[in-house]
């Protein structure tokens, strides 16, 4: 199977590409390597895949994997994406490229529209015109917005987002359904819940907290610590994505159009939560990092930030029913793997 993975310099995209290559798939990876966070981490991820990018738009062969090529490319570049699809004849696409970050979307909303809306439209259109019938893509737990009924179910209606980032992910799901309905493209959206682990993003809590603690700086704790998250280890997330890639969405035979389930359709369309199904308090998360580091954090308690939510909790019953799969890595194990990588990578 020849698979396009967008966002392979990113956290989840890097891990997915590595997994697919190690099981023998042919992978074309693309990424625009933007400077939202330290590009040196992005280049380091690519180097792990045997890639040393240079000229934009140039197809680079991996020195580590025979079936891997990388192209520096922005999914919002319509012409470049069209040309790529016309040349490569993909069997499947997993779109993980996006402008990430809830808080950053309050400062730079136009960036999110360009990448997450225009870019995703380019992927959909290219799948349509090149008969790529297997598309999976990143959504987000932030899509649940003001919903306080927990655990969050994919059958819940999600109409009250509280950030532009979340709104773009909701738009992706709606766009995907339209293309599934009109053109028969199998589309599956994956709502990720607070993914963490080695090679993670520097703007997320594990990296922020670990860096601050090791450098004797206080950590910012929002809503005075009265928050909880369904922390999900990266390896568990990759297993969920791969199951979706290997099993494209199909239409729901008994779909009730009078009481429609938002996660299913008469079209080949599905939505899944990928989360631990076991939310933990933010303070427990911090204590686990402290234990792994053997150091206590200095704490700066702050008010809730705009665009954030108090709690996330994934119902993964659909994932269990369809794939007999559920994330299972404990927080203690996952954080220990993360801290070990962090110390090695940053030479602490």
C-alpha atoms as a PDB file:
ATOM      1  CA  UNK A   1       0.000   0.000   0.000  1.00  0.00           C
ATOM      2  CA  UNK A   2       1.308   3.440  -0.965  1.00  0.00           C
ATOM      3  CA  UNK A   3       0.288   5.985   1.667  1.00  0.00           C
ATOM      4  CA  UNK A   4       0.545   9.772   1.785  1.00  0.00           C
ATOM      5  CA  UNK A   5       1.115  10.997   5.342  1.00  0.00           C
ATOM      6  CA  UNK A   6       0.913  14.761   5.677  1.00  0.00           C
ATOM      7  CA  UNK A   7       2.642  16.460   8.590  1.00  0.00           C
ATOM      8  CA  UNK A   8       5.493  13.940   8.949  1.00  0.00           C
ATOM      9  CA  UNK A   9       7.761  16.493  10.641  1.00  0.00           C
ATOM     10  CA  UNK A  10       5.073  16.791  13.305  1.00  0.00           C
ATOM     11  CA  UNK A  11       4.617  14.744  16.463  1.00  0.00           C
ATOM     12  CA  UNK A  12       1.917  12.274  15.407  1.00  0.00           C
ATOM     13  CA  UNK A  13       2.837  12.285  11.706  1.00  0.00           C
ATOM     14  CA  UNK A  14       6.438  11.335  12.474  1.00  0.00           C
ATOM     15  CA  UNK A  15       5.404   8.377  14.641  1.00  0.00           C
ATOM     16  CA  UNK A  16       2.837   7.201  12.075  1.00  0.00           C
ATOM     17  CA  UNK A  17       5.287   7.352   9.174  1.00  0.00           C
ATOM     18  CA  UNK A  18       7.872   5.419  11.195  1.00  0.00           C
ATOM     19  CA  UNK A  19       5.366   2.711  12.108  1.00  0.00           C
ATOM     20  CA  UNK A  20       4.082   2.304   8.556  1.00  0.00           C
ATOM     21  CA  UNK A  21       7.599   2.140   7.117  1.00  0.00           C
ATOM     22  CA  UNK A  22       8.705  -0.460   9.647  1.00  0.00           C
ATOM     23  CA  UNK A  23       5.807  -2.722   8.724  1.00  0.00           C
ATOM     24  CA  UNK A  24       6.685  -2.420   5.009  1.00  0.00           C
ATOM     25  CA  UNK A  25       4.381   0.239   3.563  1.00  0.00           C
ATOM     26  CA  UNK A  26       5.544   2.760   0.982  1.00  0.00           C
ATOM     27  CA  UNK A  27       5.208   6.236   2.479  1.00  0.00           C
ATOM     28  CA  UNK A  28       5.377   9.668   0.910  1.00  0.00           C
ATOM     29  CA  UNK A  29       5.651  12.260   3.664  1.00  0.00           C
ATOM     30  CA  UNK A  30       5.070  15.977   3.302  1.00  0.00           C
ATOM     31  CA  UNK A  31       5.377  18.903   5.710  1.00  0.00           C
ATOM     32  CA  UNK A  32       5.840  22.653   5.382  1.00  0.00           C
ATOM     33  CA  UNK A  33       8.119  22.723   8.472  1.00  0.00           C
ATOM     34  CA  UNK A  34       6.643  26.000   9.734  1.00  0.00           C
ATOM     35  CA  UNK A  35       8.052  27.853  12.721  1.00  0.00           C
ATOM     36  CA  UNK A  36       5.053  27.527  15.064  1.00  0.00           C
ATOM     37  CA  UNK A  37       7.533  25.814  17.366  1.00  0.00           C
ATOM     38  CA  UNK A  38      11.258  24.994  17.252  1.00  0.00           C
ATOM     39  CA  UNK A  39      12.045  23.733  13.736  1.00  0.00           C
ATOM     40  CA  UNK A  40      15.132  21.943  15.050  1.00  0.00           C
ATOM     41  CA  UNK A  41      12.838  19.375  16.692  1.00  0.00           C
ATOM     42  CA  UNK A  42      11.031  18.924  13.371  1.00  0.00           C
ATOM     43  CA  UNK A  43      14.310  18.422  11.508  1.00  0.00           C
ATOM     44  CA  UNK A  44      15.421  15.953  14.173  1.00  0.00           C
ATOM     45  CA  UNK A  45      12.253  13.906  13.682  1.00  0.00           C
ATOM     46  CA  UNK A  46      12.859  13.850   9.929  1.00  0.00           C
ATOM     47  CA  UNK A  47      16.456  12.799  10.494  1.00  0.00           C
ATOM     48  CA  UNK A  48      15.150   9.819  12.488  1.00  0.00           C
ATOM     49  CA  UNK A  49      13.284   8.890   9.308  1.00  0.00           C
ATOM     50  CA  UNK A  50      16.475   9.235   7.267  1.00  0.00           C
ATOM     51  CA  UNK A  51      15.478  12.564   5.724  1.00  0.00           C
ATOM     52  CA  UNK A  52      17.605  15.698   5.347  1.00  0.00           C
ATOM     53  CA  UNK A  53      15.298  18.200   3.605  1.00  0.00           C
ATOM     54  CA  UNK A  54      16.691  20.933   1.404  1.00  0.00           C
ATOM     55  CA  UNK A  55      14.989  22.480  -1.627  1.00  0.00           C
ATOM     56  CA  UNK A  56      11.257  23.076  -1.208  1.00  0.00           C
ATOM     57  CA  UNK A  57       9.223  20.815  -3.465  1.00  0.00           C
ATOM     58  CA  UNK A  58      12.137  18.423  -4.038  1.00  0.00           C
ATOM     59  CA  UNK A  59      11.417  14.722  -3.558  1.00  0.00           C
ATOM     60  CA  UNK A  60      14.019  13.369  -1.129  1.00  0.00           C
ATOM     61  CA  UNK A  61      14.774   9.687  -0.627  1.00  0.00           C
ATOM     62  CA  UNK A  62      15.275   8.405   2.901  1.00  0.00           C
ATOM     63  CA  UNK A  63      18.707   7.062   3.812  1.00  0.00           C
ATOM     64  CA  UNK A  64      17.097   4.720   6.348  1.00  0.00           C
ATOM     65  CA  UNK A  65      13.939   3.377   4.686  1.00  0.00           C
ATOM     66  CA  UNK A  66      13.878   2.177   1.083  1.00  0.00           C
ATOM     67  CA  UNK A  67      10.179   2.925   0.684  1.00  0.00           C
ATOM     68  CA  UNK A  68      10.196   6.459   2.102  1.00  0.00           C
ATOM     69  CA  UNK A  69      10.363   9.816   0.332  1.00  0.00           C
ATOM     70  CA  UNK A  70       9.790  13.282   1.737  1.00  0.00           C
ATOM     71  CA  UNK A  71       8.716  16.530   0.077  1.00  0.00           C
ATOM     72  CA  UNK A  72       8.763  19.945   1.732  1.00  0.00           C
ATOM     73  CA  UNK A  73       5.268  21.125   0.828  1.00  0.00           C
ATOM     74  CA  UNK A  74       2.353  23.098   2.263  1.00  0.00           C
ATOM     75  CA  UNK A  75      -1.067  21.469   1.905  1.00  0.00           C
ATOM     76  CA  UNK A  76      -2.577  24.915   1.330  1.00  0.00           C
ATOM     77  CA  UNK A  77      -0.565  25.160  -1.923  1.00  0.00           C
ATOM     78  CA  UNK A  78      -3.303  23.992  -4.284  1.00  0.00           C
ATOM     79  CA  UNK A  79      -1.142  23.530  -7.378  1.00  0.00           C
ATOM     80  CA  UNK A  80       1.581  21.635  -5.523  1.00  0.00           C
ATOM     81  CA  UNK A  81      -0.926  19.220  -3.951  1.00  0.00           C
ATOM     82  CA  UNK A  82      -2.656  18.636  -7.290  1.00  0.00           C
ATOM     83  CA  UNK A  83       0.684  17.852  -8.935  1.00  0.00           C
ATOM     84  CA  UNK A  84       1.697  15.508  -6.114  1.00  0.00           C
ATOM     85  CA  UNK A  85      -1.496  13.457  -6.359  1.00  0.00           C
ATOM     86  CA  UNK A  86      -1.313  13.327 -10.150  1.00  0.00           C
ATOM     87  CA  UNK A  87       2.202  11.873  -9.987  1.00  0.00           C
ATOM     88  CA  UNK A  88       2.078   9.457  -7.063  1.00  0.00           C
ATOM     89  CA  UNK A  89      -1.092   7.335  -7.393  1.00  0.00           C
ATOM     90  CA  UNK A  90      -1.749   6.900  -3.669  1.00  0.00           C
ATOM     91  CA  UNK A  91      -3.752   4.017  -2.236  1.00  0.00           C
ATOM     92  CA  UNK A  92      -4.536   5.881   0.990  1.00  0.00           C
ATOM     93  CA  UNK A  93      -4.060   9.289   2.585  1.00  0.00           C
ATOM     94  CA  UNK A  94      -3.735  10.199   6.261  1.00  0.00           C
ATOM     95  CA  UNK A  95      -3.950  13.959   6.728  1.00  0.00           C
ATOM     96  CA  UNK A  96      -2.241  15.007   9.953  1.00  0.00           C
ATOM     97  CA  UNK A  97      -0.921  18.344   8.676  1.00  0.00           C
ATOM     98  CA  UNK A  98      -2.631  21.264  10.390  1.00  0.00           C
ATOM     99  CA  UNK A  99      -1.972  24.404  12.327  1.00  0.00           C
ATOM    100  CA  UNK A 100      -2.199  23.089  15.869  1.00  0.00           C
ATOM    101  CA  UNK A 101      -2.759  24.743  19.233  1.00  0.00           C
ATOM    102  CA  UNK A 102      -5.937  26.043  20.839  1.00  0.00           C
ATOM    103  CA  UNK A 103      -4.346  29.087  22.469  1.00  0.00           C
ATOM    104  CA  UNK A 104      -2.357  30.148  19.395  1.00  0.00           C
ATOM    105  CA  UNK A 105      -5.603  30.231  17.392  1.00  0.00           C
ATOM    106  CA  UNK A 106      -6.725  33.196  19.493  1.00  0.00           C
ATOM    107  CA  UNK A 107      -3.745  35.191  18.221  1.00  0.00           C
ATOM    108  CA  UNK A 108      -3.457  34.022  14.613  1.00  0.00           C
ATOM    109  CA  UNK A 109      -6.872  32.825  13.395  1.00  0.00           C
ATOM    110  CA  UNK A 110      -6.123  33.373   9.695  1.00  0.00           C
ATOM    111  CA  UNK A 111      -3.307  30.818   9.859  1.00  0.00           C
ATOM    112  CA  UNK A 112      -5.822  28.165  10.916  1.00  0.00           C
ATOM    113  CA  UNK A 113      -8.207  28.912   8.075  1.00  0.00           C
ATOM    114  CA  UNK A 114      -5.430  28.695   5.507  1.00  0.00           C
ATOM    115  CA  UNK A 115      -3.934  25.446   6.742  1.00  0.00           C
ATOM    116  CA  UNK A 116      -6.875  23.605   8.274  1.00  0.00           C
ATOM    117  CA  UNK A 117      -9.645  24.654   5.872  1.00  0.00           C
ATOM    118  CA  UNK A 118      -7.974  25.539   2.552  1.00  0.00           C
ATOM    119  CA  UNK A 119      -5.386  22.798   3.009  1.00  0.00           C
ATOM    120  CA  UNK A 120      -7.964  20.154   3.832  1.00  0.00           C
ATOM    121  CA  UNK A 121     -10.075  21.171   0.841  1.00  0.00           C
ATOM    122  CA  UNK A 122      -7.017  20.631  -1.368  1.00  0.00           C
ATOM    123  CA  UNK A 123      -6.636  17.114   0.055  1.00  0.00           C
ATOM    124  CA  UNK A 124     -10.315  16.317  -0.503  1.00  0.00           C
ATOM    125  CA  UNK A 125     -10.320  17.644  -4.057  1.00  0.00           C
ATOM    126  CA  UNK A 126      -7.157  15.764  -4.946  1.00  0.00           C
ATOM    127  CA  UNK A 127      -8.577  12.536  -3.506  1.00  0.00           C
ATOM    128  CA  UNK A 128     -11.710  13.092  -5.573  1.00  0.00           C
ATOM    129  CA  UNK A 129      -9.942  13.723  -8.886  1.00  0.00           C
ATOM    130  CA  UNK A 130      -7.396  10.947  -8.426  1.00  0.00           C
ATOM    131  CA  UNK A 131      -9.811   8.267  -7.156  1.00  0.00           C
ATOM    132  CA  UNK A 132      -8.149   7.928  -3.754  1.00  0.00           C
ATOM    133  CA  UNK A 133     -10.967   6.307  -1.820  1.00  0.00           C
ATOM    134  CA  UNK A 134      -9.311   5.862   1.593  1.00  0.00           C
ATOM    135  CA  UNK A 135      -8.872   9.081   3.604  1.00  0.00           C
ATOM    136  CA  UNK A 136      -8.275   9.408   7.336  1.00  0.00           C
ATOM    137  CA  UNK A 137      -7.631  12.722   9.034  1.00  0.00           C
ATOM    138  CA  UNK A 138      -6.942  14.366  12.372  1.00  0.00           C
ATOM    139  CA  UNK A 139      -9.821  15.907  14.255  1.00  0.00           C
ATOM    140  CA  UNK A 140      -9.629  16.859  17.936  1.00  0.00           C
ATOM    141  CA  UNK A 141     -11.230  16.397  21.331  1.00  0.00           C
ATOM    142  CA  UNK A 142     -11.549  20.198  21.446  1.00  0.00           C
ATOM    143  CA  UNK A 143     -14.449  19.842  19.038  1.00  0.00           C
ATOM    144  CA  UNK A 144     -16.737  19.003  21.989  1.00  0.00           C
ATOM    145  CA  UNK A 145     -16.525  22.627  23.153  1.00  0.00           C
ATOM    146  CA  UNK A 146     -19.169  23.582  25.689  1.00  0.00           C
ATOM    147  CA  UNK A 147     -20.462  20.032  26.014  1.00  0.00           C
ATOM    148  CA  UNK A 148     -20.196  18.968  29.657  1.00  0.00           C
ATOM    149  CA  UNK A 149     -21.903  15.577  29.290  1.00  0.00           C
ATOM    150  CA  UNK A 150     -19.117  13.081  29.846  1.00  0.00           C
ATOM    151  CA  UNK A 151     -17.652  10.867  28.640  1.00  0.00           C
ATOM    152  CA  UNK A 152     -17.665  12.586  25.245  1.00  0.00           C
ATOM    153  CA  UNK A 153     -19.411  10.332  22.736  1.00  0.00           C
ATOM    154  CA  UNK A 154     -19.044  10.499  18.979  1.00  0.00           C
ATOM    155  CA  UNK A 155     -22.846  10.375  18.871  1.00  0.00           C
ATOM    156  CA  UNK A 156     -22.960  13.734  20.717  1.00  0.00           C
ATOM    157  CA  UNK A 157     -23.797  16.828  18.688  1.00  0.00           C
ATOM    158  CA  UNK A 158     -20.806  19.166  18.531  1.00  0.00           C
ATOM    159  CA  UNK A 159     -22.085  22.609  17.649  1.00  0.00           C
ATOM    160  CA  UNK A 160     -20.564  24.858  20.309  1.00  0.00           C
ATOM    161  CA  UNK A 161     -16.806  25.145  19.791  1.00  0.00           C
ATOM    162  CA  UNK A 162     -14.873  27.642  21.916  1.00  0.00           C
ATOM    163  CA  UNK A 163     -11.794  28.212  19.723  1.00  0.00           C
ATOM    164  CA  UNK A 164     -11.072  28.790  16.053  1.00  0.00           C
ATOM    165  CA  UNK A 165      -8.883  25.692  16.098  1.00  0.00           C
ATOM    166  CA  UNK A 166     -11.813  23.547  17.225  1.00  0.00           C
ATOM    167  CA  UNK A 167     -14.102  25.218  14.685  1.00  0.00           C
ATOM    168  CA  UNK A 168     -11.733  24.295  11.854  1.00  0.00           C
ATOM    169  CA  UNK A 169     -11.717  20.670  12.988  1.00  0.00           C
ATOM    170  CA  UNK A 170     -15.518  20.628  13.082  1.00  0.00           C
ATOM    171  CA  UNK A 171     -15.459  22.051   9.553  1.00  0.00           C
ATOM    172  CA  UNK A 172     -13.120  19.250   8.445  1.00  0.00           C
ATOM    173  CA  UNK A 173     -15.607  16.641   9.621  1.00  0.00           C
ATOM    174  CA  UNK A 174     -18.448  18.328   7.757  1.00  0.00           C
ATOM    175  CA  UNK A 175     -16.377  18.709   4.591  1.00  0.00           C
ATOM    176  CA  UNK A 176     -15.322  15.056   4.785  1.00  0.00           C
ATOM    177  CA  UNK A 177     -18.927  13.914   5.067  1.00  0.00           C
ATOM    178  CA  UNK A 178     -19.882  15.924   2.006  1.00  0.00           C
ATOM    179  CA  UNK A 179     -17.148  14.267  -0.081  1.00  0.00           C
ATOM    180  CA  UNK A 180     -18.042  10.835   1.280  1.00  0.00           C
ATOM    181  CA  UNK A 181     -21.671  11.443   0.278  1.00  0.00           C
ATOM    182  CA  UNK A 182     -21.045  12.985  -3.140  1.00  0.00           C
ATOM    183  CA  UNK A 183     -18.059  10.969  -4.346  1.00  0.00           C
ATOM    184  CA  UNK A 184     -17.980   7.789  -2.267  1.00  0.00           C
ATOM    185  CA  UNK A 185     -14.623   8.562  -0.658  1.00  0.00           C
ATOM    186  CA  UNK A 186     -14.207   6.615   2.585  1.00  0.00           C
ATOM    187  CA  UNK A 187     -13.429   9.271   5.181  1.00  0.00           C
ATOM    188  CA  UNK A 188     -12.626   8.717   8.852  1.00  0.00           C
ATOM    189  CA  UNK A 189     -12.054  11.524  11.352  1.00  0.00           C
ATOM    190  CA  UNK A 190     -10.019  10.855  14.482  1.00  0.00           C
ATOM    191  CA  UNK A 191     -10.655  12.953  17.565  1.00  0.00           C
ATOM    192  CA  UNK A 192      -7.377  12.800  19.480  1.00  0.00           C
ATOM    193  CA  UNK A 193      -7.366  13.318  23.247  1.00  0.00           C
ATOM    194  CA  UNK A 194      -4.269  15.029  24.735  1.00  0.00           C
ATOM    195  CA  UNK A 195      -1.577  12.983  23.018  1.00  0.00           C
ATOM    196  CA  UNK A 196       1.812  12.832  24.741  1.00  0.00           C
ATOM    197  CA  UNK A 197       5.064  10.901  24.513  1.00  0.00           C
ATOM    198  CA  UNK A 198       8.588  10.994  23.044  1.00  0.00           C
ATOM    199  CA  UNK A 199       9.169  13.578  20.303  1.00  0.00           C
ATOM    200  CA  UNK A 200       6.139  15.565  21.550  1.00  0.00           C
ATOM    201  CA  UNK A 201       5.356  19.203  20.821  1.00  0.00           C
ATOM    202  CA  UNK A 202       7.151  21.853  22.923  1.00  0.00           C
ATOM    203  CA  UNK A 203       3.934  23.857  23.346  1.00  0.00           C
ATOM    204  CA  UNK A 204       2.167  21.026  25.159  1.00  0.00           C
ATOM    205  CA  UNK A 205       2.115  20.375  28.907  1.00  0.00           C
ATOM    206  CA  UNK A 206       4.637  17.492  29.188  1.00  0.00           C
ATOM    207  CA  UNK A 207       7.388  19.443  27.421  1.00  0.00           C
ATOM    208  CA  UNK A 208       6.525  22.763  29.064  1.00  0.00           C
ATOM    209  CA  UNK A 209       6.390  21.290  32.552  1.00  0.00           C
ATOM    210  CA  UNK A 210       9.505  19.129  32.173  1.00  0.00           C
ATOM    211  CA  UNK A 211      11.573  21.982  30.766  1.00  0.00           C
ATOM    212  CA  UNK A 212      10.464  24.346  33.537  1.00  0.00           C
ATOM    213  CA  UNK A 213      11.032  21.862  36.355  1.00  0.00           C
ATOM    214  CA  UNK A 214      14.527  20.907  35.166  1.00  0.00           C
ATOM    215  CA  UNK A 215      15.446  24.575  34.800  1.00  0.00           C
ATOM    216  CA  UNK A 216      14.013  25.575  38.193  1.00  0.00           C
ATOM    217  CA  UNK A 217      11.284  27.765  36.689  1.00  0.00           C
ATOM    218  CA  UNK A 218       7.672  27.810  37.903  1.00  0.00           C
ATOM    219  CA  UNK A 219       5.041  26.046  35.814  1.00  0.00           C
ATOM    220  CA  UNK A 220       1.790  27.815  34.938  1.00  0.00           C
ATOM    221  CA  UNK A 221      -1.234  25.866  36.146  1.00  0.00           C
ATOM    222  CA  UNK A 222      -4.469  27.171  34.669  1.00  0.00           C
ATOM    223  CA  UNK A 223      -7.859  27.190  36.373  1.00  0.00           C
ATOM    224  CA  UNK A 224      -5.888  26.767  39.601  1.00  0.00           C
ATOM    225  CA  UNK A 225      -5.334  23.107  38.754  1.00  0.00           C
ATOM    226  CA  UNK A 226      -9.030  22.258  38.626  1.00  0.00           C
ATOM    227  CA  UNK A 227      -8.817  20.575  35.234  1.00  0.00           C
ATOM    228  CA  UNK A 228      -8.658  17.009  33.940  1.00  0.00           C
ATOM    229  CA  UNK A 229      -7.564  15.462  30.676  1.00  0.00           C
ATOM    230  CA  UNK A 230      -7.813  12.071  28.989  1.00  0.00           C
ATOM    231  CA  UNK A 231      -4.034  11.757  28.488  1.00  0.00           C
ATOM    232  CA  UNK A 232      -3.292   9.333  25.631  1.00  0.00           C
ATOM    233  CA  UNK A 233       0.125   7.853  24.895  1.00  0.00           C
ATOM    234  CA  UNK A 234       1.447   8.239  21.361  1.00  0.00           C
ATOM    235  CA  UNK A 235       1.908   4.514  20.650  1.00  0.00           C
ATOM    236  CA  UNK A 236      -1.745   3.891  21.505  1.00  0.00           C
ATOM    237  CA  UNK A 237      -2.797   6.686  19.153  1.00  0.00           C
ATOM    238  CA  UNK A 238      -0.731   5.234  16.301  1.00  0.00           C
ATOM    239  CA  UNK A 239      -2.342   1.809  16.767  1.00  0.00           C
ATOM    240  CA  UNK A 240      -5.760   3.438  16.462  1.00  0.00           C
ATOM    241  CA  UNK A 241      -4.803   5.355  13.300  1.00  0.00           C
ATOM    242  CA  UNK A 242      -3.389   2.246  11.636  1.00  0.00           C
ATOM    243  CA  UNK A 243      -6.541   0.261  12.329  1.00  0.00           C
ATOM    244  CA  UNK A 244      -8.526   3.001  10.580  1.00  0.00           C
ATOM    245  CA  UNK A 245      -6.159   3.116   7.588  1.00  0.00           C
ATOM    246  CA  UNK A 246      -6.387  -0.662   7.212  1.00  0.00           C
ATOM    247  CA  UNK A 247     -10.191  -0.623   7.515  1.00  0.00           C
ATOM    248  CA  UNK A 248     -11.669   2.265   5.484  1.00  0.00           C
ATOM    249  CA  UNK A 249     -15.050   3.584   6.546  1.00  0.00           C
ATOM    250  CA  UNK A 250     -18.177   1.990   5.118  1.00  0.00           C
ATOM    251  CA  UNK A 251     -21.761   3.177   5.057  1.00  0.00           C
ATOM    252  CA  UNK A 252     -23.947   2.287   8.041  1.00  0.00           C
ATOM    253  CA  UNK A 253     -26.606  -0.080   6.754  1.00  0.00           C
ATOM    254  CA  UNK A 254     -29.172   0.657   9.473  1.00  0.00           C
ATOM    255  CA  UNK A 255     -28.480   4.414   9.612  1.00  0.00           C
ATOM    256  CA  UNK A 256     -31.590   6.197  10.874  1.00  0.00           C
ATOM    257  CA  UNK A 257     -32.011   9.448   8.944  1.00  0.00           C
ATOM    258  CA  UNK A 258     -34.823  10.550  11.244  1.00  0.00           C
ATOM    259  CA  UNK A 259     -32.481  10.455  14.263  1.00  0.00           C
ATOM    260  CA  UNK A 260     -29.033  10.682  12.653  1.00  0.00           C
ATOM    261  CA  UNK A 261     -25.934   9.619  14.570  1.00  0.00           C
ATOM    262  CA  UNK A 262     -23.348  12.360  13.811  1.00  0.00           C
ATOM    263  CA  UNK A 263     -20.477   9.854  13.714  1.00  0.00           C
ATOM    264  CA  UNK A 264     -21.998   7.629  10.999  1.00  0.00           C
ATOM    265  CA  UNK A 265     -23.853   8.007   7.704  1.00  0.00           C
ATOM    266  CA  UNK A 266     -25.407   6.392   4.686  1.00  0.00           C
ATOM    267  CA  UNK A 267     -22.113   7.493   3.109  1.00  0.00           C
ATOM    268  CA  UNK A 268     -18.767   5.790   3.894  1.00  0.00           C
ATOM    269  CA  UNK A 269     -18.050   8.113   6.801  1.00  0.00           C
ATOM    270  CA  UNK A 270     -16.979   7.544  10.406  1.00  0.00           C
ATOM    271  CA  UNK A 271     -15.755   9.498  13.422  1.00  0.00           C
ATOM    272  CA  UNK A 272     -13.809   7.902  16.291  1.00  0.00           C
ATOM    273  CA  UNK A 273     -12.484   9.135  19.602  1.00  0.00           C
ATOM    274  CA  UNK A 274      -8.937   8.018  20.326  1.00  0.00           C
ATOM    275  CA  UNK A 275      -8.404   8.540  24.026  1.00  0.00           C
ATOM    276  CA  UNK A 276      -7.398   6.667  27.152  1.00  0.00           C
ATOM    277  CA  UNK A 277     -11.002   6.543  28.426  1.00  0.00           C
ATOM    278  CA  UNK A 278      -9.644   7.415  31.875  1.00  0.00           C
ATOM    279  CA  UNK A 279      -9.304  11.150  32.603  1.00  0.00           C
ATOM    280  CA  UNK A 280      -6.846  12.259  35.247  1.00  0.00           C
ATOM    281  CA  UNK A 281      -6.584  15.530  37.095  1.00  0.00           C
ATOM    282  CA  UNK A 282      -3.979  18.025  35.964  1.00  0.00           C
ATOM    283  CA  UNK A 283      -2.411  17.881  39.411  1.00  0.00           C
ATOM    284  CA  UNK A 284      -2.028  14.092  39.169  1.00  0.00           C
ATOM    285  CA  UNK A 285      -0.365  14.566  35.795  1.00  0.00           C
ATOM    286  CA  UNK A 286       2.081  17.064  37.290  1.00  0.00           C
ATOM    287  CA  UNK A 287       2.816  14.776  40.238  1.00  0.00           C
ATOM    288  CA  UNK A 288       3.609  11.933  37.814  1.00  0.00           C
ATOM    289  CA  UNK A 289       6.124  14.119  35.967  1.00  0.00           C
ATOM    290  CA  UNK A 290       7.647  15.194  39.303  1.00  0.00           C
ATOM    291  CA  UNK A 291       8.066  11.549  40.324  1.00  0.00           C
ATOM    292  CA  UNK A 292       9.697  10.633  37.004  1.00  0.00           C
ATOM    293  CA  UNK A 293      12.097  13.585  37.283  1.00  0.00           C
ATOM    294  CA  UNK A 294      12.706  13.187  41.008  1.00  0.00           C
ATOM    295  CA  UNK A 295      12.118  16.926  41.427  1.00  0.00           C
ATOM    296  CA  UNK A 296       9.241  19.024  42.707  1.00  0.00           C
ATOM    297  CA  UNK A 297       7.804  21.779  40.531  1.00  0.00           C
ATOM    298  CA  UNK A 298       7.427  25.403  41.496  1.00  0.00           C
ATOM    299  CA  UNK A 299       3.790  26.177  40.802  1.00  0.00           C
ATOM    300  CA  UNK A 300       2.143  29.351  39.514  1.00  0.00           C
ATOM    301  CA  UNK A 301      -1.640  28.969  39.794  1.00  0.00           C
ATOM    302  CA  UNK A 302      -3.584  31.011  37.237  1.00  0.00           C
ATOM    303  CA  UNK A 303      -7.134  31.637  36.017  1.00  0.00           C
ATOM    304  CA  UNK A 304      -8.714  29.691  33.139  1.00  0.00           C
ATOM    305  CA  UNK A 305      -7.523  30.661  29.671  1.00  0.00           C
ATOM    306  CA  UNK A 306      -9.922  31.648  26.891  1.00  0.00           C
ATOM    307  CA  UNK A 307     -10.608  28.839  24.434  1.00  0.00           C
ATOM    308  CA  UNK A 308      -9.747  26.100  26.926  1.00  0.00           C
ATOM    309  CA  UNK A 309     -12.071  23.503  28.454  1.00  0.00           C
ATOM    310  CA  UNK A 310     -12.134  22.197  32.026  1.00  0.00           C
ATOM    311  CA  UNK A 311     -12.281  18.496  31.281  1.00  0.00           C
ATOM    312  CA  UNK A 312     -12.000  15.928  28.491  1.00  0.00           C
ATOM    313  CA  UNK A 313     -13.037  12.279  28.680  1.00  0.00           C
ATOM    314  CA  UNK A 314     -13.231   9.977  25.666  1.00  0.00           C
ATOM    315  CA  UNK A 315     -15.895   7.352  25.158  1.00  0.00           C
ATOM    316  CA  UNK A 316     -14.132   4.784  22.954  1.00  0.00           C
ATOM    317  CA  UNK A 317     -16.926   2.225  22.688  1.00  0.00           C
ATOM    318  CA  UNK A 318     -17.013   2.613  18.878  1.00  0.00           C
ATOM    319  CA  UNK A 319     -13.278   1.877  18.696  1.00  0.00           C
ATOM    320  CA  UNK A 320     -13.756  -1.222  20.814  1.00  0.00           C
ATOM    321  CA  UNK A 321     -16.822  -2.386  18.872  1.00  0.00           C
ATOM    322  CA  UNK A 322     -15.341  -1.929  15.394  1.00  0.00           C
ATOM    323  CA  UNK A 323     -11.684  -2.839  16.029  1.00  0.00           C
ATOM    324  CA  UNK A 324     -11.600  -4.582  19.426  1.00  0.00           C
ATOM    325  CA  UNK A 325      -9.104  -1.910  20.433  1.00  0.00           C
ATOM    326  CA  UNK A 326      -8.671   0.506  23.304  1.00  0.00           C
ATOM    327  CA  UNK A 327      -5.624   2.570  24.386  1.00  0.00           C
ATOM    328  CA  UNK A 328      -4.044   0.983  27.429  1.00  0.00           C
ATOM    329  CA  UNK A 329      -0.662   2.562  28.304  1.00  0.00           C
ATOM    330  CA  UNK A 330      -0.661   3.804  31.902  1.00  0.00           C
ATOM    331  CA  UNK A 331       0.271   7.415  32.629  1.00  0.00           C
ATOM    332  CA  UNK A 332       3.203   6.296  34.796  1.00  0.00           C
ATOM    333  CA  UNK A 333       4.643   4.157  31.996  1.00  0.00           C
ATOM    334  CA  UNK A 334       4.011   6.763  29.304  1.00  0.00           C
ATOM    335  CA  UNK A 335       5.542   9.617  31.297  1.00  0.00           C
ATOM    336  CA  UNK A 336       8.601   7.524  32.126  1.00  0.00           C
ATOM    337  CA  UNK A 337       9.155   6.811  28.410  1.00  0.00           C
ATOM    338  CA  UNK A 338       8.726  10.508  27.679  1.00  0.00           C
ATOM    339  CA  UNK A 339      11.141  11.652  30.399  1.00  0.00           C
ATOM    340  CA  UNK A 340      13.764   9.112  29.297  1.00  0.00           C
ATOM    341  CA  UNK A 341      13.556  10.417  25.731  1.00  0.00           C
ATOM    342  CA  UNK A 342      13.591  14.046  26.875  1.00  0.00           C
ATOM    343  CA  UNK A 343      16.758  13.642  28.904  1.00  0.00           C
ATOM    344  CA  UNK A 344      18.502  11.841  26.078  1.00  0.00           C
ATOM    345  CA  UNK A 345      17.374  14.228  23.331  1.00  0.00           C
ATOM    346  CA  UNK A 346      18.147  17.414  25.248  1.00  0.00           C
ATOM    347  CA  UNK A 347      21.211  15.905  26.927  1.00  0.00           C
ATOM    348  CA  UNK A 348      20.001  16.684  30.440  1.00  0.00           C
END
